[in-house]
C-alpha cells in the first residue's frame, strides 16, 4: 500500500474499494490488524501526544476520514484518492460480513445504543453474525474481563466506539492478545447506526460540512472540539506547507 505522511502521521492512499479488499486480506490471514481513521481532530491531538501518534503510525490500515484532510493532502502536493469515512466503512463491512460469514463484536457507546445496533443490523443484513456486544463503560479492574469476552467470541471484526485516544490505547494494548483479524475504532458511528444521530445530507458531506451538521445536533458536546481545538489544524497545515 502507498502511504503519505501528514503532520507526522501516516495515511494510506486507498479508495473505499481498495480498503475493503485490504480488510478481506486481513480476515483471510487470521492475524490481528488494527485500523484507524485520521481526521482533523486526531491530527491535532497527535501533535501533542507522541504515544497517540506512535499508535496511529503502527496501525496496519490508516484511512482519511474528513474532507479537510483530503483537501490538505492536495494542497501539500500528495493527494489522497478519496475520503474513506469510518461510518461508511462500518456499513460496508457489516454488509460484507453477512455475505462472507464473518463474526462481528460491537464494543462501546451507551448500553441502549450498542444494544440497538445489535438488534437492528441482523435484520438489515440477514445472515450477519454478531458474536457479542458490550457498552463502552467499564472500570479499570473490569478491563481484563472485557478483553477475555472479546477473545472468547472469536470475532473476525471488532468495532470499538469509545473516545480517542482511549480506543487507540485499548487496541494498541490488547489487539495482539484478542487476536481479532480486523479491529476498528468507529467513534460516534454506533449513534448513527442505532438511529440516535442523523448523518448530514450528501451535499454537506461532499462540501466538507458534515462537522457543522454534527455541531448543530450536539452543540454543547462539539463546541470545544470544532471551535477551540480543531482551528489549530490551519496553523499546523501552514507550517507543513512552508517545509515544501
Protein backbone atom coordinates (compact mmCIF):
# COMPACT_ATOMS: atom_id res chain seq x y z
CA UNK A 1 0.00 0.00 0.00
CA UNK A 2 1.22 3.52 -0.75
CA UNK A 3 1.26 5.88 2.20
CA UNK A 4 1.61 9.59 2.56
CA UNK A 5 2.84 11.47 5.62
CA UNK A 6 1.00 14.46 7.01
CA UNK A 7 1.96 16.31 10.19
CA UNK A 8 3.89 13.30 11.42
CA UNK A 9 1.05 10.84 10.80
CA UNK A 10 0.93 8.23 8.05
CA UNK A 11 -2.19 7.78 5.88
CA UNK A 12 -2.86 5.00 3.35
CA UNK A 13 -3.75 6.34 -0.08
CA UNK A 14 -6.62 3.94 -0.75
CA UNK A 15 -10.12 4.17 -2.19
CA UNK A 16 -13.07 2.59 -0.38
CA UNK A 17 -12.96 -0.50 -2.61
CA UNK A 18 -9.22 -0.90 -2.09
CA UNK A 19 -9.76 -0.56 1.66
CA UNK A 20 -12.41 -3.30 1.64
CA UNK A 21 -10.12 -5.59 -0.36
CA UNK A 22 -7.36 -4.96 2.18
CA UNK A 23 -9.66 -5.87 5.07
CA UNK A 24 -10.65 -9.09 3.29
CA UNK A 25 -6.98 -9.98 3.14
CA UNK A 26 -6.58 -9.29 6.86
CA UNK A 27 -9.51 -11.55 7.76
CA UNK A 28 -8.23 -14.31 5.48
CA UNK A 29 -4.83 -14.16 7.21
CA UNK A 30 -6.34 -14.73 10.66
CA UNK A 31 -3.68 -12.47 12.16
CA UNK A 32 -4.55 -9.33 14.21
CA UNK A 33 -4.59 -5.99 12.41
CA UNK A 34 -5.51 -2.59 13.81
CA UNK A 35 -7.27 0.11 11.81
CA UNK A 36 -7.56 3.82 12.49
CA UNK A 37 -9.12 6.78 10.74
CA UNK A 38 -7.33 10.12 10.71
CA UNK A 39 -9.33 13.34 10.78
CA UNK A 40 -8.54 16.93 11.72
CA UNK A 41 -9.18 16.30 15.41
CA UNK A 42 -6.85 13.30 15.53
CA UNK A 43 -4.08 15.06 13.61
CA UNK A 44 -4.20 17.93 16.11
CA UNK A 45 -4.21 15.59 19.12
CA UNK A 46 -1.31 13.59 17.70
CA UNK A 47 0.87 16.72 17.70
CA UNK A 48 0.55 16.92 21.49
CA UNK A 49 0.52 13.18 22.19
CA UNK A 50 3.54 11.26 20.85
CA UNK A 51 2.07 7.97 22.11
CA UNK A 52 -1.11 8.51 20.09
CA UNK A 53 1.00 9.35 17.04
CA UNK A 54 3.04 6.17 17.54
CA UNK A 55 -0.12 4.02 17.78
CA UNK A 56 -1.59 5.61 14.64
CA UNK A 57 1.58 5.07 12.62
CA UNK A 58 1.89 1.44 13.71
CA UNK A 59 -1.64 0.55 12.56
CA UNK A 60 -1.95 -1.86 9.65
CA UNK A 61 -4.52 0.32 7.90
CA UNK A 62 -4.94 4.10 8.18
CA UNK A 63 -7.74 5.91 6.33
CA UNK A 64 -8.50 9.61 5.93
CA UNK A 65 -11.90 10.39 7.43
CA UNK A 66 -12.76 14.01 6.68
CA UNK A 67 -12.71 16.12 3.54
CA UNK A 68 -10.39 18.73 5.13
CA UNK A 69 -7.70 16.05 5.36
CA UNK A 70 -8.18 15.15 1.67
CA UNK A 71 -8.09 18.84 0.69
CA UNK A 72 -4.96 19.38 2.79
CA UNK A 73 -3.25 16.43 1.08
CA UNK A 74 -3.90 18.02 -2.32
CA UNK A 75 -2.62 21.41 -1.16
CA UNK A 76 0.56 19.75 0.07
CA UNK A 77 1.09 18.04 -3.28
CA UNK A 78 0.43 14.45 -2.14
CA UNK A 79 -3.25 13.98 -2.99
CA UNK A 80 -5.27 11.21 -1.39
CA UNK A 81 -7.63 9.30 -3.68
CA UNK A 82 -10.72 9.89 -1.57
CA UNK A 83 -12.18 10.18 1.87
CA UNK A 84 -12.94 6.82 3.48
CA UNK A 85 -15.33 7.79 6.26
CA UNK A 86 -15.45 5.50 9.27
CA UNK A 87 -19.25 5.38 9.24
CA UNK A 88 -19.28 4.36 5.56
CA UNK A 89 -16.60 1.72 6.08
CA UNK A 90 -18.52 0.30 9.06
CA UNK A 91 -21.66 0.00 6.96
CA UNK A 92 -19.84 -1.65 4.06
CA UNK A 93 -18.08 -4.11 6.36
CA UNK A 94 -21.31 -5.10 8.13
CA UNK A 95 -22.87 -5.84 4.73
CA UNK A 96 -19.81 -7.83 3.67
CA UNK A 97 -19.70 -9.73 6.97
CA UNK A 98 -23.22 -11.00 6.34
CA UNK A 99 -22.18 -12.34 2.94
CA UNK A 100 -18.79 -13.72 3.99
CA UNK A 101 -19.92 -15.23 7.30
CA UNK A 102 -17.58 -13.07 9.36
CA UNK A 103 -18.26 -12.84 13.10
CA UNK A 104 -18.66 -9.30 14.49
CA UNK A 105 -18.14 -7.90 18.00
CA UNK A 106 -19.53 -4.48 18.97
CA UNK A 107 -17.81 -2.62 21.81
CA UNK A 108 -18.63 0.85 23.04
CA UNK A 109 -21.24 3.61 23.36
CA UNK A 110 -24.09 3.59 25.88
CA UNK A 111 -25.88 0.32 26.62
CA UNK A 112 -29.09 1.34 24.85
CA UNK A 113 -27.13 2.44 21.77
CA UNK A 114 -24.98 -0.68 21.28
CA UNK A 115 -27.98 -2.90 22.09
CA UNK A 116 -29.96 -1.13 19.36
CA UNK A 117 -27.17 -1.74 16.81
CA UNK A 118 -27.06 -5.39 17.88
CA UNK A 119 -30.82 -5.70 17.35
CA UNK A 120 -31.10 -3.75 14.09
CA UNK A 121 -28.22 -4.97 11.95
CA UNK A 122 -29.03 -8.70 11.70
CA UNK A 123 -32.44 -7.57 10.41
CA UNK A 124 -30.81 -5.14 7.99
CA UNK A 125 -28.30 -7.72 6.75
CA UNK A 126 -29.75 -11.24 7.07
CA UNK A 127 -27.09 -13.79 7.90
CA UNK A 128 -24.99 -11.30 9.88
CA UNK A 129 -23.47 -12.95 12.97
CA UNK A 130 -22.92 -10.60 15.89
CA UNK A 131 -20.82 -12.72 18.22
CA UNK A 132 -21.14 -10.34 21.16
CA UNK A 133 -21.51 -6.75 22.30
CA UNK A 134 -20.76 -4.58 25.31
CA UNK A 135 -21.15 -0.92 26.22
CA UNK A 136 -18.13 1.34 26.45
CA UNK A 137 -18.21 1.99 30.18
CA UNK A 138 -16.07 -0.13 32.47
CA UNK A 139 -13.82 0.36 35.46
CA UNK A 140 -10.10 -0.26 35.27
CA UNK A 141 -10.37 -3.56 37.15
CA UNK A 142 -13.00 -4.77 34.65
CA UNK A 143 -10.81 -4.27 31.61
CA UNK A 144 -9.36 -7.78 31.59
CA UNK A 145 -12.84 -9.31 31.60
CA UNK A 146 -13.73 -7.13 28.57
CA UNK A 147 -10.65 -8.41 26.74
CA UNK A 148 -11.45 -12.02 27.72
CA UNK A 149 -15.03 -11.72 26.41
CA UNK A 150 -13.83 -10.42 23.04
CA UNK A 151 -11.19 -13.15 22.79
CA UNK A 152 -13.77 -15.85 23.59
CA UNK A 153 -16.17 -14.51 20.93
CA UNK A 154 -13.69 -15.43 18.15
CA UNK A 155 -14.69 -12.35 16.20
CA UNK A 156 -13.34 -11.56 12.75
CA UNK A 157 -14.26 -7.86 13.02
CA UNK A 158 -14.18 -5.75 16.18
CA UNK A 159 -15.75 -2.29 16.13
CA UNK A 160 -14.81 -0.04 19.06
CA UNK A 161 -16.94 3.04 19.77
CA UNK A 162 -15.14 4.73 22.64
CA UNK A 163 -13.45 8.12 22.67
CA UNK A 164 -9.96 8.91 21.38
CA UNK A 165 -7.28 8.36 22.45
CA UNK A 166 -8.77 5.69 24.76
CA UNK A 167 -9.81 3.42 21.89
CA UNK A 168 -6.41 3.64 20.19
CA UNK A 169 -4.71 2.88 23.50
CA UNK A 170 -7.06 -0.05 24.23
CA UNK A 171 -6.48 -1.61 20.83
CA UNK A 172 -2.76 -0.90 20.97
CA UNK A 173 -2.53 -2.71 24.32
CA UNK A 174 -4.77 -5.71 23.65
CA UNK A 175 -5.16 -6.32 19.92
CA UNK A 176 -2.44 -8.96 19.80
CA UNK A 177 -3.98 -10.80 22.74
CA UNK A 178 -7.56 -10.65 21.43
CA UNK A 179 -6.37 -11.86 18.01
CA UNK A 180 -9.19 -10.23 16.08
CA UNK A 181 -8.11 -10.07 12.42
CA UNK A 182 -9.54 -6.57 11.97
CA UNK A 183 -10.17 -4.10 14.80
CA UNK A 184 -11.54 -0.66 14.00
CA UNK A 185 -12.32 2.39 16.12
CA UNK A 186 -15.64 3.86 14.99
CA UNK A 187 -16.18 6.97 17.14
CA UNK A 188 -19.82 8.06 17.02
CA UNK A 189 -20.80 5.55 14.33
CA UNK A 190 -22.93 3.46 16.70
CA UNK A 191 -25.10 6.53 17.39
CA UNK A 192 -25.78 6.80 13.66
CA UNK A 193 -26.27 3.05 13.23
CA UNK A 194 -28.74 2.98 16.14
CA UNK A 195 -30.74 5.86 14.66
CA UNK A 196 -29.90 8.21 17.55
CA UNK A 197 -27.98 10.67 15.37
CA UNK A 198 -28.69 11.58 11.75
CA UNK A 199 -25.94 11.93 9.16
CA UNK A 200 -25.56 15.13 7.21
CA UNK A 201 -27.16 15.28 3.75
CA UNK A 202 -24.93 14.02 0.94
CA UNK A 203 -24.27 17.55 -0.37
CA UNK A 204 -22.94 18.62 3.05
CA UNK A 205 -20.69 15.55 3.16
CA UNK A 206 -19.28 16.38 -0.28
CA UNK A 207 -18.78 20.03 0.73
CA UNK A 208 -16.89 19.05 3.86
CA UNK A 209 -19.63 20.43 6.12
CA UNK A 210 -20.56 17.24 7.94
CA UNK A 211 -18.80 18.58 11.03
CA UNK A 212 -21.16 21.62 11.06
CA UNK A 213 -24.22 19.38 10.81
CA UNK A 214 -22.87 17.37 13.74
CA UNK A 215 -22.30 20.57 15.71
CA UNK A 216 -25.91 21.66 15.13
CA UNK A 217 -27.11 18.35 16.57
CA UNK A 218 -24.85 18.39 19.64
CA UNK A 219 -23.60 21.98 20.14
CA UNK A 220 -22.54 21.66 23.77
CA UNK A 221 -20.60 18.47 23.21
CA UNK A 222 -18.92 19.56 19.98
CA UNK A 223 -18.21 23.26 20.59
CA UNK A 224 -14.76 22.82 22.14
CA UNK A 225 -13.65 20.28 19.53
CA UNK A 226 -14.70 22.29 16.48
CA UNK A 227 -14.15 25.87 17.63
CA UNK A 228 -11.28 25.69 20.12
CA UNK A 229 -9.19 22.57 19.44
CA UNK A 230 -9.54 21.97 15.69
CA UNK A 231 -8.71 25.51 14.41
CA UNK A 232 -5.11 24.69 15.35
CA UNK A 233 -5.12 22.49 12.24
CA UNK A 234 -4.79 25.51 9.95
CA UNK A 235 -1.63 26.64 11.71
CA UNK A 236 -0.19 23.13 11.51
CA UNK A 237 -1.07 22.92 7.82
CA UNK A 238 0.64 26.23 7.08
CA UNK A 239 3.73 25.06 8.96
CA UNK A 240 3.73 21.86 6.88
CA UNK A 241 3.35 23.81 3.65
CA UNK A 242 6.34 26.03 4.50
CA UNK A 243 8.53 22.92 4.65
CA UNK A 244 7.86 22.15 0.97
